[in-house]
Amino acid sequence: MSSVFLNVVPVFILILIGWATAKTGILKQETGDALGEFVFKIAVPMLIFRTLADAHFEGVSPFRLWLAYFLGVAGTWTVGHLLATRLFRRDAKVGVVTGMSASFANNVFIGLPLVANIVGKDGLVAISILLAIHLPLMMVVGTILMEGAVSKVDGGEKRSVAEILKQVGSNLARNPLVLALVVGVSFNFLDLHLPVAIAMVIDHLSAAAAPVALISIGMALTQYPIRGDIGLSGTAAILKLLLLPALVFLMSYLFALPHDWAAALVLTSSVPTGINAWLIAQRFRSGHGLAASVISITTAFGVITVSFWAWLLS
């Protein structure tokens, strides 16, 4: 357990360093935003491309991987929504935010570095395949459910599913992660190879992904203080750190995923909540304090629960 803990702790220390530099003013918040943009648009796409271009898929279907993960997400989201609306008596909008906060893992900024550190290259292949549909699927579902909740609570017309899909599809066509996955898989199946000099440049950019991502997310945390609705936000945090990885663990076993793929999915599902849950809440002006609190709580306690799941999978 101690060796596993030592592999997890550096991930959260880098997050803490980012938080401290922003909190003390050593680096401006704008710097953190720029680092996050560099990670999302350059460093992580290079890592995904390099990983998939050289990967050995060994005939394992990505559909089993997606099913194992998203069935866990669906179960956790449903429990979160029901607890918010039935037990805590919140409206449907808060229910959507609660469900999303409990099931939306920060796979890009924390999941990737964690899996790279603990599982290795085969784990990166699994998480790269997951990222191909994770953000678009979660945002589509979150937006559709939130549109319905707003119509139910506040009245008025809601956009059609076709309109939402058109908007999200347009965004996806420019998404660096999706583009990196398509190019990486194409290189793999066509058995193409990069010139040595270009490969070295991509390797250097890929190596920057993990530390820069963790520092940037730490700096971003200063924007998400814990405030109000502690009972509901604490409940959502427990679902995120314990129920989601437990369900993904069970689904990975039922779908007989290879060990490294299962480990990657469970570990990335166990990381703190991603900021996209807050973005949905902010956009629809409901539950943004709740989403912010869940992000901070899951990050604060994540080192303990992530260490547990890493130990269980070792």
C-alpha atoms as a PDB file:
ATOM      1  CA  MET A   1       0.000   0.000   0.000  1.00  0.00           C
ATOM      2  CA  SER A   2       2.836   2.412   0.836  1.00  0.00           C
ATOM      3  CA  SER A   3       4.434   2.030  -2.612  1.00  0.00           C
ATOM      4  CA  VAL A   4       1.075   2.641  -4.305  1.00  0.00           C
ATOM      5  CA  PHE A   5       0.501   5.706  -2.127  1.00  0.00           C
ATOM      6  CA  LEU A   6       3.904   7.055  -3.160  1.00  0.00           C
ATOM      7  CA  ASN A   7       2.899   6.738  -6.818  1.00  0.00           C
ATOM      8  CA  VAL A   8      -0.337   8.642  -6.232  1.00  0.00           C
ATOM      9  CA  VAL A   9       0.962  11.403  -3.935  1.00  0.00           C
ATOM     10  CA  PRO A  10       3.138  13.179  -6.561  1.00  0.00           C
ATOM     11  CA  VAL A  11       0.051  13.716  -8.708  1.00  0.00           C
ATOM     12  CA  PHE A  12      -1.710  15.572  -5.907  1.00  0.00           C
ATOM     13  CA  ILE A  13       1.451  17.415  -4.812  1.00  0.00           C
ATOM     14  CA  LEU A  14       1.676  18.938  -8.285  1.00  0.00           C
ATOM     15  CA  ILE A  15      -1.986  19.981  -7.996  1.00  0.00           C
ATOM     16  CA  LEU A  16      -1.183  21.523  -4.595  1.00  0.00           C
ATOM     17  CA  ILE A  17       1.789  23.391  -6.065  1.00  0.00           C
ATOM     18  CA  GLY A  18      -0.456  24.842  -8.760  1.00  0.00           C
ATOM     19  CA  TRP A  19      -3.056  25.866  -6.173  1.00  0.00           C
ATOM     20  CA  ALA A  20      -0.419  27.470  -3.925  1.00  0.00           C
ATOM     21  CA  THR A  21       1.218  29.454  -6.729  1.00  0.00           C
ATOM     22  CA  ALA A  22      -2.142  30.895  -7.773  1.00  0.00           C
ATOM     23  CA  LYS A  23      -3.383  31.470  -4.213  1.00  0.00           C
ATOM     24  CA  THR A  24      -0.235  33.344  -3.181  1.00  0.00           C
ATOM     25  CA  GLY A  25      -0.033  35.336  -6.396  1.00  0.00           C
ATOM     26  CA  ILE A  26       3.311  33.875  -7.487  1.00  0.00           C
ATOM     27  CA  LEU A  27       1.624  33.180 -10.812  1.00  0.00           C
ATOM     28  CA  LYS A  28      -1.414  35.048 -12.107  1.00  0.00           C
ATOM     29  CA  GLN A  29      -4.673  33.233 -12.772  1.00  0.00           C
ATOM     30  CA  GLU A  30      -4.301  34.111 -16.437  1.00  0.00           C
ATOM     31  CA  THR A  31      -1.129  32.033 -16.464  1.00  0.00           C
ATOM     32  CA  GLY A  32      -3.070  29.005 -15.244  1.00  0.00           C
ATOM     33  CA  ASP A  33      -5.660  29.542 -17.974  1.00  0.00           C
ATOM     34  CA  ALA A  34      -2.898  29.691 -20.585  1.00  0.00           C
ATOM     35  CA  LEU A  35      -1.286  26.517 -19.219  1.00  0.00           C
ATOM     36  CA  GLY A  36      -4.643  24.749 -19.338  1.00  0.00           C
ATOM     37  CA  GLU A  37      -5.128  25.819 -22.948  1.00  0.00           C
ATOM     38  CA  PHE A  38      -1.637  24.550 -23.831  1.00  0.00           C
ATOM     39  CA  VAL A  39      -2.419  21.195 -22.219  1.00  0.00           C
ATOM     40  CA  PHE A  40      -5.797  20.790 -23.920  1.00  0.00           C
ATOM     41  CA  LYS A  41      -4.822  22.012 -27.379  1.00  0.00           C
ATOM     42  CA  ILE A  42      -1.207  20.829 -27.716  1.00  0.00           C
ATOM     43  CA  ALA A  43       0.360  18.636 -25.021  1.00  0.00           C
ATOM     44  CA  VAL A  44      -2.428  16.083 -24.422  1.00  0.00           C
ATOM     45  CA  PRO A  45      -3.310  15.753 -28.145  1.00  0.00           C
ATOM     46  CA  MET A  46       0.369  15.004 -28.819  1.00  0.00           C
ATOM     47  CA  LEU A  47       0.349  12.388 -26.047  1.00  0.00           C
ATOM     48  CA  ILE A  48      -2.830  10.769 -27.385  1.00  0.00           C
ATOM     49  CA  PHE A  49      -1.509  10.758 -30.947  1.00  0.00           C
ATOM     50  CA  ARG A  50       1.855   9.254 -29.953  1.00  0.00           C
ATOM     51  CA  THR A  51       0.214   6.622 -27.745  1.00  0.00           C
ATOM     52  CA  LEU A  52      -2.294   5.447 -30.340  1.00  0.00           C
ATOM     53  CA  ALA A  53       0.092   5.627 -33.285  1.00  0.00           C
ATOM     54  CA  ASP A  54       2.353   3.028 -31.603  1.00  0.00           C
ATOM     55  CA  ALA A  55      -0.334   1.036 -29.752  1.00  0.00           C
ATOM     56  CA  HIS A  56      -0.979  -2.694 -30.023  1.00  0.00           C
ATOM     57  CA  PHE A  57      -4.748  -3.131 -29.767  1.00  0.00           C
ATOM     58  CA  GLU A  58      -4.602  -6.945 -29.699  1.00  0.00           C
ATOM     59  CA  GLY A  59      -8.120  -7.251 -31.095  1.00  0.00           C
ATOM     60  CA  VAL A  60      -9.824  -5.834 -27.987  1.00  0.00           C
ATOM     61  CA  SER A  61     -13.080  -4.095 -28.877  1.00  0.00           C
ATOM     62  CA  PRO A  62     -13.425  -0.467 -27.767  1.00  0.00           C
ATOM     63  CA  PHE A  63     -17.172  -1.007 -27.363  1.00  0.00           C
ATOM     64  CA  ARG A  64     -16.650  -3.208 -24.291  1.00  0.00           C
ATOM     65  CA  LEU A  65     -14.431  -0.510 -22.817  1.00  0.00           C
ATOM     66  CA  TRP A  66     -17.007   2.207 -23.467  1.00  0.00           C
ATOM     67  CA  LEU A  67     -19.852   0.092 -22.104  1.00  0.00           C
ATOM     68  CA  ALA A  68     -17.941  -0.777 -18.933  1.00  0.00           C
ATOM     69  CA  TYR A  69     -17.202   2.859 -18.196  1.00  0.00           C
ATOM     70  CA  PHE A  70     -20.454   4.525 -19.216  1.00  0.00           C
ATOM     71  CA  LEU A  71     -22.712   1.986 -17.531  1.00  0.00           C
ATOM     72  CA  GLY A  72     -20.887   2.957 -14.331  1.00  0.00           C
ATOM     73  CA  VAL A  73     -21.412   6.631 -15.187  1.00  0.00           C
ATOM     74  CA  ALA A  74     -25.114   6.091 -15.879  1.00  0.00           C
ATOM     75  CA  GLY A  75     -25.632   4.301 -12.580  1.00  0.00           C
ATOM     76  CA  THR A  76     -23.825   6.954 -10.562  1.00  0.00           C
ATOM     77  CA  TRP A  77     -25.522   9.845 -12.360  1.00  0.00           C
ATOM     78  CA  THR A  78     -28.943   8.298 -11.708  1.00  0.00           C
ATOM     79  CA  VAL A  79     -28.242   7.776  -8.000  1.00  0.00           C
ATOM     80  CA  GLY A  80     -26.963  11.347  -7.666  1.00  0.00           C
ATOM     81  CA  HIS A  81     -30.002  12.781  -9.404  1.00  0.00           C
ATOM     82  CA  LEU A  82     -32.460  10.754  -7.318  1.00  0.00           C
ATOM     83  CA  LEU A  83     -30.743  11.631  -4.040  1.00  0.00           C
ATOM     84  CA  ALA A  84     -30.801  15.339  -4.905  1.00  0.00           C
ATOM     85  CA  THR A  85     -34.467  15.406  -5.954  1.00  0.00           C
ATOM     86  CA  ARG A  86     -35.973  12.846  -3.571  1.00  0.00           C
ATOM     87  CA  LEU A  87     -33.840  12.924  -0.397  1.00  0.00           C
ATOM     88  CA  PHE A  88     -32.628  16.552  -0.468  1.00  0.00           C
ATOM     89  CA  ARG A  89     -35.813  17.871  -2.153  1.00  0.00           C
ATOM     90  CA  ARG A  90     -33.996  19.954  -4.766  1.00  0.00           C
ATOM     91  CA  ASP A  91     -35.447  20.771  -8.167  1.00  0.00           C
ATOM     92  CA  ALA A  92     -34.688  18.915 -11.394  1.00  0.00           C
ATOM     93  CA  LYS A  93     -31.971  21.395 -12.442  1.00  0.00           C
ATOM     94  CA  VAL A  94     -29.987  20.786  -9.256  1.00  0.00           C
ATOM     95  CA  GLY A  95     -30.618  17.081  -9.760  1.00  0.00           C
ATOM     96  CA  VAL A  96     -28.875  17.181 -13.148  1.00  0.00           C
ATOM     97  CA  VAL A  97     -25.940  19.143 -11.739  1.00  0.00           C
ATOM     98  CA  THR A  98     -25.615  16.691  -8.837  1.00  0.00           C
ATOM     99  CA  GLY A  99     -25.680  13.661 -11.117  1.00  0.00           C
ATOM    100  CA  MET A 100     -23.131  15.179 -13.460  1.00  0.00           C
ATOM    101  CA  SER A 101     -20.843  16.300 -10.624  1.00  0.00           C
ATOM    102  CA  ALA A 102     -20.940  12.772  -9.181  1.00  0.00           C
ATOM    103  CA  SER A 103     -20.049  11.092 -12.481  1.00  0.00           C
ATOM    104  CA  PHE A 104     -17.888  13.490 -14.522  1.00  0.00           C
ATOM    105  CA  ALA A 105     -14.253  12.584 -13.842  1.00  0.00           C
ATOM    106  CA  ASN A 106     -11.377  14.909 -14.700  1.00  0.00           C
ATOM    107  CA  ASN A 107      -9.919  12.417 -17.174  1.00  0.00           C
ATOM    108  CA  VAL A 108      -7.762  14.821 -19.179  1.00  0.00           C
ATOM    109  CA  PHE A 109      -5.970  16.844 -16.519  1.00  0.00           C
ATOM    110  CA  ILE A 110      -5.752  14.263 -13.705  1.00  0.00           C
ATOM    111  CA  GLY A 111      -6.754  10.886 -15.142  1.00  0.00           C
ATOM    112  CA  LEU A 112      -4.109  10.824 -17.884  1.00  0.00           C
ATOM    113  CA  PRO A 113      -1.140  11.679 -15.616  1.00  0.00           C
ATOM    114  CA  LEU A 114      -2.356   9.230 -12.961  1.00  0.00           C
ATOM    115  CA  VAL A 115      -2.793   6.340 -15.406  1.00  0.00           C
ATOM    116  CA  ALA A 116       0.562   7.085 -17.037  1.00  0.00           C
ATOM    117  CA  ASN A 117       2.261   7.019 -13.630  1.00  0.00           C
ATOM    118  CA  ILE A 118       0.612   3.852 -12.293  1.00  0.00           C
ATOM    119  CA  VAL A 119      -0.526   1.683 -15.217  1.00  0.00           C
ATOM    120  CA  GLY A 120       1.783   2.715 -18.040  1.00  0.00           C
ATOM    121  CA  LYS A 121       1.469   2.685 -21.821  1.00  0.00           C
ATOM    122  CA  ASP A 122      -1.297   0.077 -22.147  1.00  0.00           C
ATOM    123  CA  GLY A 123      -3.360   2.084 -19.689  1.00  0.00           C
ATOM    124  CA  LEU A 124      -2.814   5.215 -21.768  1.00  0.00           C
ATOM    125  CA  VAL A 125      -4.184   3.385 -24.798  1.00  0.00           C
ATOM    126  CA  ALA A 126      -7.381   2.615 -22.884  1.00  0.00           C
ATOM    127  CA  ILE A 127      -7.863   6.135 -21.578  1.00  0.00           C
ATOM    128  CA  SER A 128      -7.114   7.622 -25.007  1.00  0.00           C
ATOM    129  CA  ILE A 129      -9.906   5.483 -26.497  1.00  0.00           C
ATOM    130  CA  LEU A 130     -12.212   6.562 -23.662  1.00  0.00           C
ATOM    131  CA  LEU A 131     -11.457  10.240 -24.254  1.00  0.00           C
ATOM    132  CA  ALA A 132     -12.601   9.897 -27.867  1.00  0.00           C
ATOM    133  CA  ILE A 133     -16.229   9.952 -26.744  1.00  0.00           C
ATOM    134  CA  HIS A 134     -16.134  10.907 -23.048  1.00  0.00           C
ATOM    135  CA  LEU A 135     -16.360  14.683 -23.294  1.00  0.00           C
ATOM    136  CA  PRO A 136     -18.811  14.813 -26.219  1.00  0.00           C
ATOM    137  CA  LEU A 137     -21.112  12.158 -24.769  1.00  0.00           C
ATOM    138  CA  MET A 138     -21.137  13.666 -21.273  1.00  0.00           C
ATOM    139  CA  MET A 139     -21.730  17.189 -22.569  1.00  0.00           C
ATOM    140  CA  VAL A 140     -24.497  16.072 -24.946  1.00  0.00           C
ATOM    141  CA  VAL A 141     -26.295  14.132 -22.208  1.00  0.00           C
ATOM    142  CA  GLY A 142     -25.771  16.902 -19.652  1.00  0.00           C
ATOM    143  CA  THR A 143     -27.060  19.583 -22.011  1.00  0.00           C
ATOM    144  CA  ILE A 144     -30.120  17.564 -23.086  1.00  0.00           C
ATOM    145  CA  LEU A 145     -31.050  16.731 -19.488  1.00  0.00           C
ATOM    146  CA  MET A 146     -30.476  20.310 -18.354  1.00  0.00           C
ATOM    147  CA  GLU A 147     -32.576  21.725 -21.200  1.00  0.00           C
ATOM    148  CA  GLY A 148     -35.400  19.404 -20.123  1.00  0.00           C
ATOM    149  CA  ALA A 149     -35.001  20.338 -16.457  1.00  0.00           C
ATOM    150  CA  VAL A 150     -35.039  24.069 -17.227  1.00  0.00           C
ATOM    151  CA  SER A 151     -38.201  23.644 -19.302  1.00  0.00           C
ATOM    152  CA  LYS A 152     -39.812  21.677 -16.459  1.00  0.00           C
ATOM    153  CA  VAL A 153     -38.813  24.041 -13.648  1.00  0.00           C
ATOM    154  CA  ASP A 154     -38.852  27.447 -15.351  1.00  0.00           C
ATOM    155  CA  GLY A 155     -41.222  26.810 -18.252  1.00  0.00           C
ATOM    156  CA  GLY A 156     -40.644  27.844 -21.845  1.00  0.00           C
ATOM    157  CA  GLU A 157     -39.463  25.939 -24.878  1.00  0.00           C
ATOM    158  CA  LYS A 158     -36.408  23.716 -24.962  1.00  0.00           C
ATOM    159  CA  ARG A 159     -34.108  23.123 -27.900  1.00  0.00           C
ATOM    160  CA  SER A 160     -34.559  19.933 -29.862  1.00  0.00           C
ATOM    161  CA  VAL A 161     -32.085  17.076 -29.563  1.00  0.00           C
ATOM    162  CA  ALA A 162     -31.136  17.662 -33.207  1.00  0.00           C
ATOM    163  CA  GLU A 163     -30.180  21.288 -32.476  1.00  0.00           C
ATOM    164  CA  ILE A 164     -28.056  20.278 -29.493  1.00  0.00           C
ATOM    165  CA  LEU A 165     -26.332  17.510 -31.454  1.00  0.00           C
ATOM    166  CA  LYS A 166     -25.617  19.924 -34.301  1.00  0.00           C
ATOM    167  CA  GLN A 167     -23.971  22.402 -31.937  1.00  0.00           C
ATOM    168  CA  VAL A 168     -21.925  19.734 -30.138  1.00  0.00           C
ATOM    169  CA  GLY A 169     -20.972  18.104 -33.441  1.00  0.00           C
ATOM    170  CA  SER A 170     -19.654  21.414 -34.712  1.00  0.00           C
ATOM    171  CA  ASN A 171     -17.545  21.790 -31.569  1.00  0.00           C
ATOM    172  CA  LEU A 172     -16.234  18.230 -31.889  1.00  0.00           C
ATOM    173  CA  ALA A 173     -15.021  18.818 -35.420  1.00  0.00           C
ATOM    174  CA  ARG A 174     -12.550  21.302 -33.913  1.00  0.00           C
ATOM    175  CA  ASN A 175     -11.793  19.357 -30.713  1.00  0.00           C
ATOM    176  CA  PRO A 176      -8.015  18.695 -30.477  1.00  0.00           C
ATOM    177  CA  LEU A 177      -8.495  15.443 -28.522  1.00  0.00           C
ATOM    178  CA  VAL A 178     -10.810  13.955 -31.137  1.00  0.00           C
ATOM    179  CA  LEU A 179      -8.531  15.051 -33.981  1.00  0.00           C
ATOM    180  CA  ALA A 180      -5.504  13.540 -32.222  1.00  0.00           C
ATOM    181  CA  LEU A 181      -7.323  10.237 -31.778  1.00  0.00           C
ATOM    182  CA  VAL A 182      -8.394  10.054 -35.429  1.00  0.00           C
ATOM    183  CA  VAL A 183      -4.888  10.861 -36.701  1.00  0.00           C
ATOM    184  CA  GLY A 184      -3.215   8.518 -34.213  1.00  0.00           C
ATOM    185  CA  VAL A 185      -5.430   5.553 -35.095  1.00  0.00           C
ATOM    186  CA  SER A 186      -4.975   6.299 -38.806  1.00  0.00           C
ATOM    187  CA  PHE A 187      -1.189   6.244 -38.409  1.00  0.00           C
ATOM    188  CA  ASN A 188      -1.454   2.940 -36.548  1.00  0.00           C
ATOM    189  CA  PHE A 189      -3.624   1.109 -39.067  1.00  0.00           C
ATOM    190  CA  LEU A 190      -1.723   2.491 -42.074  1.00  0.00           C
ATOM    191  CA  ASP A 191       1.572   1.565 -40.393  1.00  0.00           C
ATOM    192  CA  LEU A 192       2.992   5.052 -40.953  1.00  0.00           C
ATOM    193  CA  HIS A 193       6.105   6.365 -39.194  1.00  0.00           C
ATOM    194  CA  LEU A 194       7.230   9.867 -38.315  1.00  0.00           C
ATOM    195  CA  PRO A 195      10.673  11.277 -39.162  1.00  0.00           C
ATOM    196  CA  VAL A 196      12.996  10.978 -36.163  1.00  0.00           C
ATOM    197  CA  ALA A 197      13.236  14.741 -35.582  1.00  0.00           C
ATOM    198  CA  ILE A 198       9.429  15.187 -35.620  1.00  0.00           C
ATOM    199  CA  ALA A 199       8.973  12.187 -33.335  1.00  0.00           C
ATOM    200  CA  MET A 200      11.383  13.727 -30.808  1.00  0.00           C
ATOM    201  CA  VAL A 201       9.476  17.019 -30.816  1.00  0.00           C
ATOM    202  CA  ILE A 202       6.185  15.190 -30.211  1.00  0.00           C
ATOM    203  CA  ASP A 203       7.808  13.174 -27.410  1.00  0.00           C
ATOM    204  CA  HIS A 204       8.966  16.382 -25.696  1.00  0.00           C
ATOM    205  CA  LEU A 205       5.499  17.928 -25.943  1.00  0.00           C
ATOM    206  CA  SER A 206       3.903  14.707 -24.684  1.00  0.00           C
ATOM    207  CA  ALA A 207       6.238  14.641 -21.685  1.00  0.00           C
ATOM    208  CA  ALA A 208       5.008  18.120 -20.700  1.00  0.00           C
ATOM    209  CA  ALA A 209       1.361  17.017 -20.614  1.00  0.00           C
ATOM    210  CA  ALA A 210       1.287  15.439 -17.147  1.00  0.00           C
ATOM    211  CA  PRO A 211       3.085  18.029 -14.958  1.00  0.00           C
ATOM    212  CA  VAL A 212       1.637  21.054 -16.735  1.00  0.00           C
ATOM    213  CA  ALA A 213      -1.891  19.612 -16.622  1.00  0.00           C
ATOM    214  CA  LEU A 214      -1.686  18.988 -12.886  1.00  0.00           C
ATOM    215  CA  ILE A 215      -0.283  22.437 -12.100  1.00  0.00           C
ATOM    216  CA  SER A 216      -2.896  24.142 -14.277  1.00  0.00           C
ATOM    217  CA  ILE A 217      -5.790  22.293 -12.635  1.00  0.00           C
ATOM    218  CA  GLY A 218      -4.365  23.227  -9.231  1.00  0.00           C
ATOM    219  CA  MET A 219      -4.347  26.884 -10.251  1.00  0.00           C
ATOM    220  CA  ALA A 220      -7.922  26.578 -11.507  1.00  0.00           C
ATOM    221  CA  LEU A 221      -9.076  25.229  -8.118  1.00  0.00           C
ATOM    222  CA  THR A 222      -8.784  28.707  -6.584  1.00  0.00           C
ATOM    223  CA  GLN A 223     -11.939  29.557  -8.554  1.00  0.00           C
ATOM    224  CA  TYR A 224     -13.996  26.752  -6.963  1.00  0.00           C
ATOM    225  CA  PRO A 225     -14.318  27.334  -3.198  1.00  0.00           C
ATOM    226  CA  ILE A 226     -16.408  25.102  -0.943  1.00  0.00           C
ATOM    227  CA  ARG A 227     -19.536  27.069  -0.154  1.00  0.00           C
ATOM    228  CA  GLY A 228     -23.088  26.187   0.864  1.00  0.00           C
ATOM    229  CA  ASP A 229     -25.130  23.014   0.427  1.00  0.00           C
ATOM    230  CA  ILE A 230     -22.423  20.967   2.129  1.00  0.00           C
ATOM    231  CA  GLY A 231     -24.746  18.009   2.725  1.00  0.00           C
ATOM    232  CA  LEU A 232     -25.597  17.572  -0.956  1.00  0.00           C
ATOM    233  CA  SER A 233     -22.126  18.420  -2.263  1.00  0.00           C
ATOM    234  CA  GLY A 234     -20.559  16.013   0.244  1.00  0.00           C
ATOM    235  CA  THR A 235     -22.959  13.288  -0.881  1.00  0.00           C
ATOM    236  CA  ALA A 236     -22.085  13.900  -4.541  1.00  0.00           C
ATOM    237  CA  ALA A 237     -18.380  13.780  -3.643  1.00  0.00           C
ATOM    238  CA  ILE A 238     -18.820  10.374  -1.963  1.00  0.00           C
ATOM    239  CA  LEU A 239     -20.617   9.057  -5.045  1.00  0.00           C
ATOM    240  CA  LYS A 240     -17.825  10.375  -7.253  1.00  0.00           C
ATOM    241  CA  LEU A 241     -14.914   8.962  -5.249  1.00  0.00           C
ATOM    242  CA  LEU A 242     -16.476   5.641  -4.221  1.00  0.00           C
ATOM    243  CA  LEU A 243     -19.591   4.622  -6.154  1.00  0.00           C
ATOM    244  CA  LEU A 244     -18.423   5.510  -9.676  1.00  0.00           C
ATOM    245  CA  PRO A 245     -15.114   3.590  -9.495  1.00  0.00           C
ATOM    246  CA  ALA A 246     -16.882   0.677  -7.768  1.00  0.00           C
ATOM    247  CA  LEU A 247     -19.404   0.393 -10.605  1.00  0.00           C
ATOM    248  CA  VAL A 248     -16.695   0.758 -13.270  1.00  0.00           C
ATOM    249  CA  PHE A 249     -14.672  -1.915 -11.454  1.00  0.00           C
ATOM    250  CA  LEU A 250     -17.685  -4.259 -11.529  1.00  0.00           C
ATOM    251  CA  MET A 251     -18.475  -3.538 -15.192  1.00  0.00           C
ATOM    252  CA  SER A 252     -14.845  -4.044 -16.219  1.00  0.00           C
ATOM    253  CA  TYR A 253     -14.929  -7.463 -14.575  1.00  0.00           C
ATOM    254  CA  LEU A 254     -18.250  -8.400 -16.193  1.00  0.00           C
ATOM    255  CA  PHE A 255     -17.023  -7.365 -19.643  1.00  0.00           C
ATOM    256  CA  ALA A 256     -13.711  -9.205 -19.097  1.00  0.00           C
ATOM    257  CA  LEU A 257     -11.482  -6.269 -20.002  1.00  0.00           C
ATOM    258  CA  PRO A 258      -7.698  -6.807 -19.973  1.00  0.00           C
ATOM    259  CA  HIS A 259      -6.203  -5.959 -16.572  1.00  0.00           C
ATOM    260  CA  ASP A 260      -4.379  -2.801 -17.688  1.00  0.00           C
ATOM    261  CA  TRP A 261      -7.481  -1.488 -19.444  1.00  0.00           C
ATOM    262  CA  ALA A 262      -9.656  -2.198 -16.420  1.00  0.00           C
ATOM    263  CA  ALA A 263      -7.106  -0.574 -14.113  1.00  0.00           C
ATOM    264  CA  ALA A 264      -6.976   2.525 -16.315  1.00  0.00           C
ATOM    265  CA  LEU A 265     -10.763   2.868 -16.360  1.00  0.00           C
ATOM    266  CA  VAL A 266     -11.173   2.410 -12.617  1.00  0.00           C
ATOM    267  CA  LEU A 267      -8.340   4.804 -11.795  1.00  0.00           C
ATOM    268  CA  THR A 268      -9.564   7.547 -14.109  1.00  0.00           C
ATOM    269  CA  SER A 269     -13.105   7.119 -12.786  1.00  0.00           C
ATOM    270  CA  SER A 270     -11.797   7.588  -9.245  1.00  0.00           C
ATOM    271  CA  VAL A 271     -10.173  10.992  -9.821  1.00  0.00           C
ATOM    272  CA  PRO A 272     -11.791  14.281  -8.741  1.00  0.00           C
ATOM    273  CA  THR A 273     -14.721  15.855 -10.571  1.00  0.00           C
ATOM    274  CA  GLY A 274     -13.923  17.748 -13.780  1.00  0.00           C
ATOM    275  CA  ILE A 275     -14.736  21.417 -14.253  1.00  0.00           C
ATOM    276  CA  ASN A 276     -17.176  20.663 -17.079  1.00  0.00           C
ATOM    277  CA  ALA A 277     -19.863  19.916 -14.485  1.00  0.00           C
ATOM    278  CA  TRP A 278     -19.396  23.482 -13.224  1.00  0.00           C
ATOM    279  CA  LEU A 279     -19.488  24.835 -16.781  1.00  0.00           C
ATOM    280  CA  ILE A 280     -22.904  23.245 -17.369  1.00  0.00           C
ATOM    281  CA  ALA A 281     -24.158  24.610 -14.036  1.00  0.00           C
ATOM    282  CA  GLN A 282     -22.792  28.071 -14.810  1.00  0.00           C
ATOM    283  CA  ARG A 283     -24.307  28.104 -18.289  1.00  0.00           C
ATOM    284  CA  PHE A 284     -27.788  27.263 -17.006  1.00  0.00           C
ATOM    285  CA  ARG A 285     -27.359  29.376 -13.846  1.00  0.00           C
ATOM    286  CA  SER A 286     -28.250  26.623 -11.416  1.00  0.00           C
ATOM    287  CA  GLY A 287     -26.180  24.668  -8.910  1.00  0.00           C
ATOM    288  CA  HIS A 288     -22.828  26.266  -9.755  1.00  0.00           C
ATOM    289  CA  GLY A 289     -21.952  26.606  -6.058  1.00  0.00           C
ATOM    290  CA  LEU A 290     -22.739  22.916  -5.619  1.00  0.00           C
ATOM    291  CA  ALA A 291     -20.579  21.909  -8.596  1.00  0.00           C
ATOM    292  CA  ALA A 292     -17.698  24.094  -7.385  1.00  0.00           C
ATOM    293  CA  SER A 293     -17.861  22.533  -3.912  1.00  0.00           C
ATOM    294  CA  VAL A 294     -17.823  18.978  -5.313  1.00  0.00           C
ATOM    295  CA  ILE A 295     -14.728  19.782  -7.389  1.00  0.00           C
ATOM    296  CA  SER A 296     -12.861  21.085  -4.335  1.00  0.00           C
ATOM    297  CA  ILE A 297     -14.024  18.330  -1.957  1.00  0.00           C
ATOM    298  CA  THR A 298     -13.147  15.514  -4.348  1.00  0.00           C
ATOM    299  CA  THR A 299      -9.743  17.051  -4.979  1.00  0.00           C
ATOM    300  CA  ALA A 300      -9.050  17.457  -1.267  1.00  0.00           C
ATOM    301  CA  PHE A 301      -9.906  13.838  -0.423  1.00  0.00           C
ATOM    302  CA  GLY A 302      -8.964  12.273  -3.748  1.00  0.00           C
ATOM    303  CA  VAL A 303      -5.446  11.340  -2.699  1.00  0.00           C
ATOM    304  CA  ILE A 304      -6.886   8.919  -0.123  1.00  0.00           C
ATOM    305  CA  THR A 305      -9.547   7.276  -2.287  1.00  0.00           C
ATOM    306  CA  VAL A 306      -7.393   7.141  -5.436  1.00  0.00           C
ATOM    307  CA  SER A 307      -4.662   5.433  -3.397  1.00  0.00           C
ATOM    308  CA  PHE A 308      -7.216   2.863  -2.241  1.00  0.00           C
ATOM    309  CA  TRP A 309      -8.326   2.038  -5.791  1.00  0.00           C
ATOM    310  CA  ALA A 310      -4.722   1.922  -7.011  1.00  0.00           C
ATOM    311  CA  TRP A 311      -3.877  -0.494  -4.194  1.00  0.00           C
ATOM    312  CA  LEU A 312      -6.924  -2.654  -4.972  1.00  0.00           C
ATOM    313  CA  LEU A 313      -5.875  -2.908  -8.616  1.00  0.00           C
ATOM    314  CA  SER A 314      -2.190  -3.598  -7.948  1.00  0.00           C
END
